[in-house]
Amino acid sequence: MRRQIKETDHSLTFDPERLNAAWKVIDTEIERGVIPGASAAVTLNGRRFFYTSGVRHKIGEANPLVTADTIYDCASLTKVVVTLPLALMLIDEGLIDLEQPVADIWPSFAAGGKGTITIRQLLTHTSGLPSYAVPAKLGKEKEGILAGICGLEKTYESGTRTVYSCLGFITLGRIVEIVTGQRLEEAAARRIFQPLGMTSSGYMPAEGMLSRIAATELDPASGEFRRGFVHDELAAALGGVSGNAGLFATAEDLLSYGELWLCGGMSDNGRLLSQAAVSKAVRSHTLQIPNASRGLGWVLRGDSSDAGGDWLSDSSYGHTGFTGTSLWVDPERELVVVLLTNRVHFGRNQSIARLRIRLHNAIAAAVVE
């Protein structure tokens, strides 16, 4: 059975002039020096639209243009493109469940009062784990860092707050490895990238792909811009493969992933996620917490970190990545919006937040019947 993005009752399309105005939002931020370039991709009512602008990076005199096959470091989009679906698949298969304590699967994790933290709490960032930790304070290399996470104490009572936690999704990545018996990158390739035809996606890109990759930030240690190796410090210390970051992908590949959610978990190669999993993931699991609206993995409308802008529907959801990436899904409009940039190439300014909101506004405003 092939997936189909359903056509809405009134066939939606884009007003060409308004869509061009949306692309100009990207161009303006390039001209302002916020980002060197961008690759954007949109699905509306089953039709795909692409836009690229600017350069992949500025290193000496080398300023290669962004093209449709430019690969970006996706940063925390890894959480919802890799770790979330893998966890949901394991729940679908009856191997784990949302209320299961993490320590049931990984006994060492119980230290520091963490024995009752559940899979659901990791997915909703309500576990009690801190947001982040400098790798050197946790340990050396993968085993040392994982042991360091096991040794951490909770910083708040589980379920009472939302604290966005990379450590929580590193933990989830480890759970996937334990339960599947596979390395995280292998599970992602076999269960997600290959079925969806995401041929330019993965961890630790091969050397032959480096010429397509947009560089991120200047590495003080080497004096060179990082290109092809993950920007996130914890993921880097874990060898480039982690549940919180490490994914590299093109805008088109991420559009395919977003369409999976529009299709209720169905891919061209069969069902990857149950309809029950998709439905549950995009509902709020944090109603008891003020200013929080978190699904399983996804950021929902009304959350303090919602970057969906003003015009996307109340049912829309998405996620962002620190390097300057975002993926947003609006099921009411049958709309997916992908924006890939490497804003950290120019330093860690926060102007990308304005770009995301204004781009989403302009794209939503361009939708007409």
Protein backbone atom coordinates (compact mmCIF):
# COMPACT_ATOMS: atom_id res chain seq x y z
CA MET A 1 0.00 0.00 0.00
CA ARG A 2 1.43 3.35 -1.04
CA ARG A 3 0.99 6.38 1.16
CA GLN A 4 -1.08 9.26 -0.09
CA ILE A 5 -1.14 12.81 1.13
CA LYS A 6 -4.84 13.42 1.06
CA GLU A 7 -6.25 16.31 -0.90
CA THR A 8 -8.20 18.72 1.27
CA ASP A 9 -11.86 19.50 0.57
CA HIS A 10 -10.81 22.73 -1.09
CA SER A 11 -7.70 22.24 -3.19
CA LEU A 12 -5.04 24.40 -1.59
CA THR A 13 -2.16 25.92 -3.46
CA PHE A 14 0.22 28.86 -3.16
CA ASP A 15 -0.30 32.36 -4.45
CA PRO A 16 2.94 32.73 -6.50
CA GLU A 17 3.58 36.33 -5.49
CA ARG A 18 3.06 35.61 -1.82
CA LEU A 19 5.28 32.53 -1.98
CA ASN A 20 8.01 34.64 -3.56
CA ALA A 21 7.55 37.08 -0.69
CA ALA A 22 8.13 34.20 1.72
CA TRP A 23 11.40 33.32 -0.01
CA LYS A 24 12.44 36.97 0.26
CA VAL A 25 12.25 36.59 4.04
CA ILE A 26 15.19 34.20 3.71
CA ASP A 27 17.05 36.50 1.31
CA THR A 28 16.69 39.41 3.72
CA GLU A 29 18.37 37.49 6.53
CA ILE A 30 21.20 36.49 4.19
CA GLU A 31 21.69 40.14 3.24
CA ARG A 32 21.70 41.10 6.93
CA GLY A 33 24.48 38.60 7.60
CA VAL A 34 22.40 36.41 9.90
CA ILE A 35 23.00 33.30 7.78
CA PRO A 36 25.31 32.58 4.83
CA GLY A 37 22.60 30.68 2.94
CA ALA A 38 19.61 28.40 3.24
CA SER A 39 17.79 25.46 1.73
CA ALA A 40 14.01 25.43 2.17
CA ALA A 41 11.42 22.87 1.16
CA VAL A 42 7.64 22.87 1.45
CA THR A 43 4.89 20.34 0.86
CA LEU A 44 1.36 21.68 0.35
CA ASN A 45 -1.55 19.42 -0.48
CA GLY A 46 0.77 16.82 -2.03
CA ARG A 47 2.89 19.26 -4.09
CA ARG A 48 6.52 20.04 -3.32
CA PHE A 49 8.25 23.41 -3.57
CA PHE A 50 11.97 24.13 -3.10
CA TYR A 51 14.08 27.24 -2.64
CA THR A 52 17.80 27.75 -2.14
CA SER A 53 19.71 30.97 -1.65
CA GLY A 54 23.14 32.19 -0.60
CA VAL A 55 26.29 30.18 -0.05
CA ARG A 56 27.10 27.05 1.95
CA HIS A 57 29.83 28.82 3.87
CA LYS A 58 32.41 31.56 3.64
CA ILE A 59 35.89 30.11 4.08
CA GLY A 60 38.61 32.15 2.45
CA GLU A 61 37.68 32.64 -1.17
CA ALA A 62 35.57 29.48 -1.26
CA ASN A 63 31.91 30.47 -1.26
CA PRO A 64 30.03 27.59 -2.93
CA LEU A 65 26.35 28.23 -3.63
CA VAL A 66 23.64 26.39 -1.73
CA THR A 67 21.91 23.86 -3.99
CA ALA A 68 19.06 21.42 -3.48
CA ASP A 69 21.55 18.66 -2.60
CA THR A 70 23.37 20.71 0.07
CA ILE A 71 23.60 18.75 3.31
CA TYR A 72 23.23 20.44 6.70
CA ASP A 73 24.06 19.51 10.26
CA CYS A 74 20.52 19.14 11.61
CA ALA A 75 21.46 19.44 15.31
CA SER A 76 18.40 18.78 17.52
CA LEU A 77 16.16 17.82 14.63
CA THR A 78 17.88 14.49 15.32
CA LYS A 79 15.60 14.17 18.34
CA VAL A 80 12.40 14.05 16.28
CA VAL A 81 13.75 12.54 13.04
CA VAL A 82 15.74 9.68 14.60
CA THR A 83 15.22 9.11 18.31
CA LEU A 84 11.50 9.83 18.53
CA PRO A 85 10.36 7.54 15.69
CA LEU A 86 12.67 4.73 16.82
CA ALA A 87 11.21 4.92 20.34
CA LEU A 88 7.66 4.94 18.94
CA MET A 89 8.45 1.91 16.77
CA LEU A 90 9.63 -0.01 19.82
CA ILE A 91 6.38 0.87 21.59
CA ASP A 92 4.42 -0.24 18.50
CA GLU A 93 6.27 -3.56 18.63
CA GLY A 94 5.48 -4.11 22.31
CA LEU A 95 9.13 -3.94 23.36
CA ILE A 96 8.86 -0.88 25.63
CA ASP A 97 6.03 1.38 26.87
CA LEU A 98 5.62 5.02 27.83
CA GLU A 99 5.22 4.40 31.56
CA GLN A 100 8.17 2.03 31.77
CA PRO A 101 10.99 3.22 34.04
CA VAL A 102 14.19 3.73 32.10
CA ALA A 103 16.05 1.82 34.81
CA ASP A 104 14.08 -1.33 33.93
CA ILE A 105 16.01 -1.36 30.66
CA TRP A 106 19.24 0.32 31.80
CA PRO A 107 19.68 -0.50 35.52
CA SER A 108 22.69 1.79 35.99
CA PHE A 109 20.44 4.77 35.21
CA ALA A 110 18.64 4.39 38.56
CA ALA A 111 21.46 6.12 40.48
CA GLY A 112 20.90 9.64 41.79
CA GLY A 113 17.19 9.17 42.44
CA LYS A 114 16.39 8.54 38.77
CA GLY A 115 14.87 5.08 39.20
CA THR A 116 11.31 6.23 38.53
CA ILE A 117 11.98 8.34 35.40
CA THR A 118 9.86 6.97 32.56
CA ILE A 119 10.16 6.80 28.79
CA ARG A 120 7.28 9.30 28.52
CA GLN A 121 9.11 11.78 30.74
CA LEU A 122 12.23 11.59 28.58
CA LEU A 123 10.16 12.17 25.43
CA THR A 124 8.35 15.17 26.95
CA HIS A 125 11.39 16.76 28.63
CA THR A 126 9.82 16.39 32.07
CA SER A 127 12.22 13.80 33.50
CA GLY A 128 14.11 15.86 36.05
CA LEU A 129 17.37 15.60 34.12
CA PRO A 130 19.36 18.79 33.57
CA SER A 131 19.35 20.38 30.15
CA TYR A 132 22.98 19.80 29.23
CA ALA A 133 26.40 19.02 30.62
CA VAL A 134 29.89 19.79 29.41
CA PRO A 135 31.31 16.48 28.14
CA ALA A 136 34.44 16.77 30.28
CA LYS A 137 32.29 16.81 33.43
CA LEU A 138 30.63 13.53 32.47
CA GLY A 139 33.50 11.39 31.28
CA LYS A 140 35.67 10.46 28.33
CA GLU A 141 34.29 9.05 25.10
CA LYS A 142 31.01 7.19 24.81
CA GLU A 143 31.21 4.80 27.75
CA GLY A 144 32.47 7.47 30.12
CA ILE A 145 29.78 9.96 29.11
CA LEU A 146 27.00 7.38 29.44
CA ALA A 147 28.32 6.42 32.87
CA GLY A 148 28.40 10.11 33.77
CA ILE A 149 24.74 10.51 32.81
CA CYS A 150 23.86 7.50 34.95
CA GLY A 151 25.61 9.18 37.87
CA LEU A 152 23.69 12.46 37.59
CA GLU A 153 21.05 13.44 40.13
CA LYS A 154 17.67 14.87 39.21
CA THR A 155 17.49 18.67 39.28
CA TYR A 156 13.71 18.81 39.84
CA GLU A 157 10.84 16.45 40.58
CA SER A 158 9.89 14.46 37.51
CA GLY A 159 6.67 15.59 35.82
CA THR A 160 6.49 19.00 37.48
CA ARG A 161 8.40 21.08 34.93
CA THR A 162 9.65 21.00 31.36
CA VAL A 163 13.39 21.41 31.01
CA TYR A 164 14.53 20.78 27.45
CA SER A 165 17.14 18.07 27.91
CA CYS A 166 19.73 16.82 25.46
CA LEU A 167 20.74 14.37 28.19
CA GLY A 168 17.26 12.87 28.11
CA PHE A 169 17.46 12.15 24.40
CA ILE A 170 20.98 10.78 24.69
CA THR A 171 19.47 8.40 27.23
CA LEU A 172 16.68 7.50 24.80
CA GLY A 173 19.25 6.80 22.11
CA ARG A 174 20.96 4.40 24.46
CA ILE A 175 17.64 2.71 25.23
CA VAL A 176 17.10 2.15 21.50
CA GLU A 177 20.53 0.53 21.24
CA ILE A 178 19.93 -1.75 24.22
CA VAL A 179 16.50 -2.90 23.08
CA THR A 180 17.31 -3.36 19.38
CA GLY A 181 20.83 -4.67 19.84
CA GLN A 182 21.90 -2.29 17.07
CA ARG A 183 23.97 0.86 17.00
CA LEU A 184 21.78 3.94 16.75
CA GLU A 185 23.00 4.86 13.28
CA GLU A 186 22.23 1.34 12.03
CA ALA A 187 18.71 1.36 13.44
CA ALA A 188 18.05 4.80 11.94
CA ALA A 189 19.28 3.77 8.50
CA ARG A 190 17.35 0.51 8.40
CA ARG A 191 14.10 1.66 9.98
CA ILE A 192 13.81 5.31 8.81
CA PHE A 193 16.17 6.53 6.10
CA GLN A 194 16.02 3.54 3.75
CA PRO A 195 12.22 3.07 3.79
CA LEU A 196 11.69 6.81 3.20
CA GLY A 197 14.32 7.08 0.46
CA MET A 198 16.33 9.57 2.52
CA THR A 199 19.51 8.82 0.57
CA SER A 200 21.43 11.89 1.75
CA SER A 201 20.67 11.44 5.45
CA GLY A 202 22.67 9.84 8.21
CA TYR A 203 25.29 10.18 10.89
CA MET A 204 28.99 10.70 10.15
CA PRO A 205 28.75 11.50 6.41
CA ALA A 206 31.15 9.68 4.14
CA GLU A 207 34.17 11.60 2.89
CA GLY A 208 32.71 11.64 -0.61
CA MET A 209 29.81 13.76 0.65
CA LEU A 210 31.91 16.48 2.29
CA SER A 211 31.82 18.77 -0.73
CA ARG A 212 28.02 18.98 -0.34
CA ILE A 213 28.03 19.85 3.36
CA ALA A 214 27.54 23.37 4.73
CA ALA A 215 30.17 24.20 7.34
CA THR A 216 29.10 25.17 10.84
CA GLU A 217 31.21 26.95 13.44
CA LEU A 218 34.93 27.64 13.69
CA ASP A 219 36.53 24.97 15.87
CA PRO A 220 38.93 26.74 18.27
CA ALA A 221 40.96 23.57 18.76
CA SER A 222 41.75 23.01 15.08
CA GLY A 223 41.34 26.55 13.81
CA GLU A 224 39.12 25.21 11.02
CA PHE A 225 35.40 25.38 10.35
CA ARG A 226 33.62 22.17 11.24
CA ARG A 227 32.22 20.41 8.19
CA GLY A 228 30.92 16.86 8.17
CA PHE A 229 31.38 16.30 11.90
CA VAL A 230 28.62 17.17 14.33
CA HIS A 231 28.60 20.65 15.87
CA ASP A 232 27.03 19.63 19.19
CA GLU A 233 29.70 19.07 21.83
CA LEU A 234 28.07 16.11 23.54
CA ALA A 235 27.27 14.32 20.29
CA ALA A 236 30.84 14.98 19.14
CA ALA A 237 32.23 13.50 22.35
CA LEU A 238 30.02 10.45 21.78
CA GLY A 239 31.77 9.87 18.47
CA GLY A 240 29.32 11.78 16.26
CA VAL A 241 26.34 9.51 16.89
CA SER A 242 23.81 10.42 19.56
CA GLY A 243 20.11 10.59 20.31
CA ASN A 244 20.22 14.35 20.75
CA ALA A 245 22.20 15.44 17.66
CA GLY A 246 24.41 14.17 14.87
CA LEU A 247 22.01 13.83 11.93
CA PHE A 248 23.05 15.31 8.57
CA ALA A 249 20.40 15.67 5.85
CA THR A 250 19.08 17.65 2.90
CA ALA A 251 15.86 19.66 2.95
CA GLU A 252 14.25 17.22 0.52
CA ASP A 253 15.00 14.24 2.76
CA LEU A 254 13.48 16.00 5.76
CA LEU A 255 10.44 16.88 3.68
CA SER A 256 9.97 13.14 3.08
CA TYR A 257 10.12 12.58 6.82
CA GLY A 258 7.59 15.34 7.51
CA GLU A 259 5.26 13.82 4.92
CA LEU A 260 5.40 10.55 6.86
CA TRP A 261 3.62 12.35 9.68
CA LEU A 262 1.07 13.93 7.34
CA CYS A 263 0.34 10.40 6.11
CA GLY A 264 -0.31 9.07 9.60
CA GLY A 265 2.87 6.98 9.67
CA MET A 266 2.55 5.46 6.19
CA SER A 267 5.50 5.44 3.77
CA ASP A 268 5.77 4.33 0.14
CA ASN A 269 7.29 1.13 1.50
CA GLY A 270 4.56 0.41 4.01
CA ARG A 271 3.61 1.58 7.46
CA LEU A 272 6.51 2.78 9.63
CA LEU A 273 4.51 4.18 12.55
CA SER A 274 1.07 3.20 13.77
CA GLN A 275 -1.73 5.74 13.50
CA ALA A 276 -2.05 5.43 17.26
CA ALA A 277 1.59 6.46 17.74
CA VAL A 278 1.30 9.45 15.42
CA SER A 279 -1.92 10.62 17.08
CA LYS A 280 -0.51 10.27 20.59
CA ALA A 281 2.79 11.97 19.74
CA VAL A 282 1.17 15.20 18.55
CA ARG A 283 -1.13 15.62 21.57
CA SER A 284 -0.05 17.58 24.62
CA HIS A 285 1.39 15.51 27.47
CA THR A 286 2.17 18.54 29.65
CA LEU A 287 -1.25 20.09 30.32
CA GLN A 288 -0.45 20.25 34.02
CA ILE A 289 2.60 22.46 33.48
CA PRO A 290 2.21 26.24 32.86
CA ASN A 291 3.51 27.60 29.51
CA ALA A 292 4.32 24.08 28.33
CA SER A 293 2.77 22.28 25.39
CA ARG A 294 4.87 19.24 24.59
CA GLY A 295 3.90 16.19 22.64
CA LEU A 296 6.12 13.14 22.47
CA GLY A 297 9.26 14.78 21.14
CA TRP A 298 7.40 17.51 19.26
CA VAL A 299 6.87 21.14 20.25
CA LEU A 300 3.17 22.03 20.06
CA ARG A 301 1.41 25.38 19.69
CA GLY A 302 1.54 27.50 22.82
CA ASP A 303 4.79 26.09 24.16
CA SER A 304 7.38 28.62 25.25
CA SER A 305 9.68 27.37 22.47
CA ASP A 306 7.00 27.33 19.73
CA ALA A 307 8.56 28.70 16.52
CA GLY A 308 5.51 28.09 14.33
CA GLY A 309 4.69 31.77 14.04
CA ASP A 310 1.28 33.42 14.07
CA TRP A 311 -0.66 31.82 11.19
CA LEU A 312 0.00 28.08 11.31
CA SER A 313 -2.96 26.10 12.63
CA ASP A 314 -3.49 25.21 16.27
CA SER A 315 -2.79 21.57 15.41
CA SER A 316 0.66 22.27 13.95
CA TYR A 317 3.83 20.98 15.56
CA GLY A 318 7.54 20.99 14.92
CA HIS A 319 11.08 21.25 16.22
CA THR A 320 14.21 23.33 15.79
CA GLY A 321 17.94 22.69 15.75
CA PHE A 322 20.65 24.87 17.30
CA THR A 323 22.64 25.12 14.07
CA GLY A 324 19.73 26.96 12.42
CA THR A 325 17.37 24.22 11.29
CA SER A 326 13.64 23.61 11.68
CA LEU A 327 10.87 21.25 10.61
CA TRP A 328 7.20 22.19 11.01
CA VAL A 329 4.07 20.21 10.17
CA ASP A 330 0.57 21.70 9.78
CA PRO A 331 -1.87 18.80 9.31
CA GLU A 332 -4.86 21.12 8.87
CA ARG A 333 -3.33 22.58 5.71
CA GLU A 334 -1.47 19.40 4.67
CA LEU A 335 1.65 21.54 4.95
CA VAL A 336 5.26 20.73 5.85
CA VAL A 337 7.93 23.44 6.07
CA VAL A 338 11.64 22.62 6.26
CA LEU A 339 14.29 25.31 6.75
CA LEU A 340 17.97 24.39 6.84
CA THR A 341 20.64 26.98 7.59
CA ASN A 342 24.02 27.05 9.29
CA ARG A 343 23.51 30.23 11.29
CA VAL A 344 26.32 29.24 13.71
CA HIS A 345 28.80 29.79 10.85
CA PHE A 346 28.71 33.48 11.82
CA GLY A 347 28.55 32.88 15.58
CA ARG A 348 25.80 32.06 18.02
CA ASN A 349 23.41 34.96 17.44
CA GLN A 350 19.70 34.43 18.09
CA SER A 351 18.28 36.21 15.03
CA ILE A 352 17.32 32.85 13.52
CA ALA A 353 14.25 32.88 15.80
CA ARG A 354 12.83 35.86 13.91
CA LEU A 355 13.54 34.21 10.55
CA ARG A 356 11.67 31.04 11.50
CA ILE A 357 8.59 32.89 12.71
CA ARG A 358 8.42 35.28 9.76
CA LEU A 359 9.02 32.53 7.22
CA HIS A 360 6.23 30.41 8.70
CA ASN A 361 3.92 33.44 8.72
CA ALA A 362 4.67 34.29 5.09
CA ILE A 363 4.27 30.70 3.89
CA ALA A 364 0.96 30.30 5.72
CA ALA A 365 -0.21 33.62 4.26
CA ALA A 366 0.63 32.37 0.76
CA VAL A 367 -1.80 29.44 1.01
CA VAL A 368 -4.97 30.00 -1.03
CA GLU A 369 -7.92 27.91 -2.21
